[in-house]
Amino acid sequence: MLMPSAASPGWAALDLEKCHTDLLIMSYHNIITIEPDKRGGKPCIRRMRITVYDVLGWLAAGMSHAEILEDFPELTEEDIRACLEFAADREHRLAVSAGAA
């Protein structure tokens, strides 16, 4: 992917942080749902009872994407990526808010 630089004529400065945040919002907000009466209000995948934290735990335990999809055929590769993006965005927001304090 070509990235603009200050030395490239005709290219405006690119706000990478804003682009990163915009991409995350577009990609996981249609997949990750939060319902107060389901799984204690934890973020879930597509209104199912599988939480983001379930998927992150399986990945942390060493399961591959293929193993997760085999064990939970109702999930998709996009669901797993959405969980990772949700966690990355949440971590980013925590870091930003901690830096502002």
Protein backbone atom coordinates (compact mmCIF):
# COMPACT_ATOMS: atom_id res chain seq x y z
CA MET A 1 0.00 0.00 0.00
CA LEU A 2 1.37 3.39 -0.95
CA MET A 3 1.51 5.87 1.87
CA PRO A 4 1.65 9.61 1.30
CA SER A 5 4.65 11.48 2.62
CA ALA A 6 5.43 15.12 3.14
CA ALA A 7 7.93 14.87 0.27
CA SER A 8 5.27 13.70 -2.21
CA PRO A 9 3.86 16.69 -4.07
CA GLY A 10 0.10 16.81 -4.26
CA TRP A 11 -0.49 14.54 -1.27
CA ALA A 12 -2.24 15.96 1.77
CA ALA A 13 -1.16 14.93 5.25
CA LEU A 14 -2.84 11.68 6.28
CA ASP A 15 -4.23 11.28 9.79
CA LEU A 16 -3.39 7.59 10.30
CA GLU A 17 -4.97 7.42 13.75
CA LYS A 18 -8.30 8.70 12.43
CA CYS A 19 -8.17 6.34 9.43
CA HIS A 20 -7.38 3.41 11.74
CA THR A 21 -10.28 4.28 14.04
CA ASP A 22 -12.68 4.80 11.11
CA LEU A 23 -11.78 1.41 9.63
CA LEU A 24 -12.35 -0.32 12.96
CA ILE A 25 -15.70 1.33 13.47
CA MET A 26 -16.88 0.29 10.02
CA SER A 27 -15.69 -3.27 10.31
CA TYR A 28 -16.78 -4.47 13.75
CA HIS A 29 -19.80 -2.37 14.69
CA ASN A 30 -22.12 -4.42 12.47
CA ILE A 31 -20.87 -7.67 14.01
CA ILE A 32 -20.29 -6.99 17.71
CA THR A 33 -23.52 -6.43 19.63
CA ILE A 34 -24.16 -5.52 23.25
CA GLU A 35 -27.46 -6.42 24.85
CA PRO A 36 -27.89 -5.73 28.59
CA ASP A 37 -29.86 -8.94 29.21
CA LYS A 38 -27.55 -11.26 27.26
CA ARG A 39 -24.32 -12.60 28.81
CA GLY A 40 -24.37 -9.82 31.38
CA GLY A 41 -24.10 -7.09 28.76
CA LYS A 42 -20.78 -8.38 27.44
CA PRO A 43 -20.03 -7.73 23.77
CA CYS A 44 -21.31 -10.69 21.71
CA ILE A 45 -21.02 -11.76 18.11
CA ARG A 46 -24.05 -11.11 15.90
CA ARG A 47 -26.55 -11.34 18.76
CA MET A 48 -25.39 -14.87 19.58
CA ARG A 49 -24.36 -15.93 23.05
CA ILE A 50 -20.68 -16.18 22.05
CA THR A 51 -18.77 -13.23 23.49
CA VAL A 52 -15.76 -11.39 22.18
CA TYR A 53 -13.96 -12.58 25.31
CA ASP A 54 -14.79 -16.22 24.51
CA VAL A 55 -13.09 -15.87 21.12
CA LEU A 56 -10.12 -13.95 22.54
CA GLY A 57 -9.71 -16.63 25.21
CA TRP A 58 -9.69 -19.41 22.61
CA LEU A 59 -7.09 -17.54 20.57
CA ALA A 60 -4.98 -16.88 23.68
CA ALA A 61 -5.18 -20.59 24.54
CA GLY A 62 -3.58 -21.35 21.18
CA MET A 63 -6.57 -22.31 19.05
CA SER A 64 -6.21 -21.41 15.38
CA HIS A 65 -8.92 -19.63 13.44
CA ALA A 66 -9.61 -22.90 11.61
CA GLU A 67 -10.03 -24.80 14.90
CA ILE A 68 -12.45 -22.18 16.24
CA LEU A 69 -14.47 -22.25 13.02
CA GLU A 70 -14.56 -26.03 13.10
CA ASP A 71 -15.77 -26.11 16.72
CA PHE A 72 -18.23 -23.23 16.21
CA PRO A 73 -19.51 -23.41 12.61
CA GLU A 74 -21.90 -20.53 13.28
CA LEU A 75 -18.87 -18.21 13.40
CA THR A 76 -17.05 -16.79 10.39
CA GLU A 77 -13.52 -15.58 9.78
CA GLU A 78 -14.96 -12.06 9.74
CA ASP A 79 -16.39 -12.63 13.24
CA ILE A 80 -12.96 -13.58 14.58
CA ARG A 81 -11.36 -10.53 12.97
CA ALA A 82 -14.14 -8.35 14.41
CA CYS A 83 -13.30 -9.63 17.91
CA LEU A 84 -9.64 -8.77 17.42
CA GLU A 85 -10.52 -5.35 16.02
CA PHE A 86 -12.91 -4.69 18.91
CA ALA A 87 -10.19 -5.58 21.43
CA ALA A 88 -7.60 -3.44 19.62
CA ASP A 89 -9.97 -0.48 19.51
CA ARG A 90 -10.86 -0.86 23.16
CA GLU A 91 -7.17 -1.00 24.11
CA HIS A 92 -6.49 2.06 21.98
CA ARG A 93 -9.31 3.97 23.66
CA LEU A 94 -8.00 3.00 27.13
CA ALA A 95 -4.50 4.17 26.22
CA VAL A 96 -5.80 7.47 24.86
CA SER A 97 -8.00 8.14 27.90
CA ALA A 98 -5.15 7.21 30.29
CA GLY A 99 -2.84 9.61 28.43
CA ALA A 100 -5.38 12.42 28.75
CA ALA A 101 -5.58 12.04 32.53
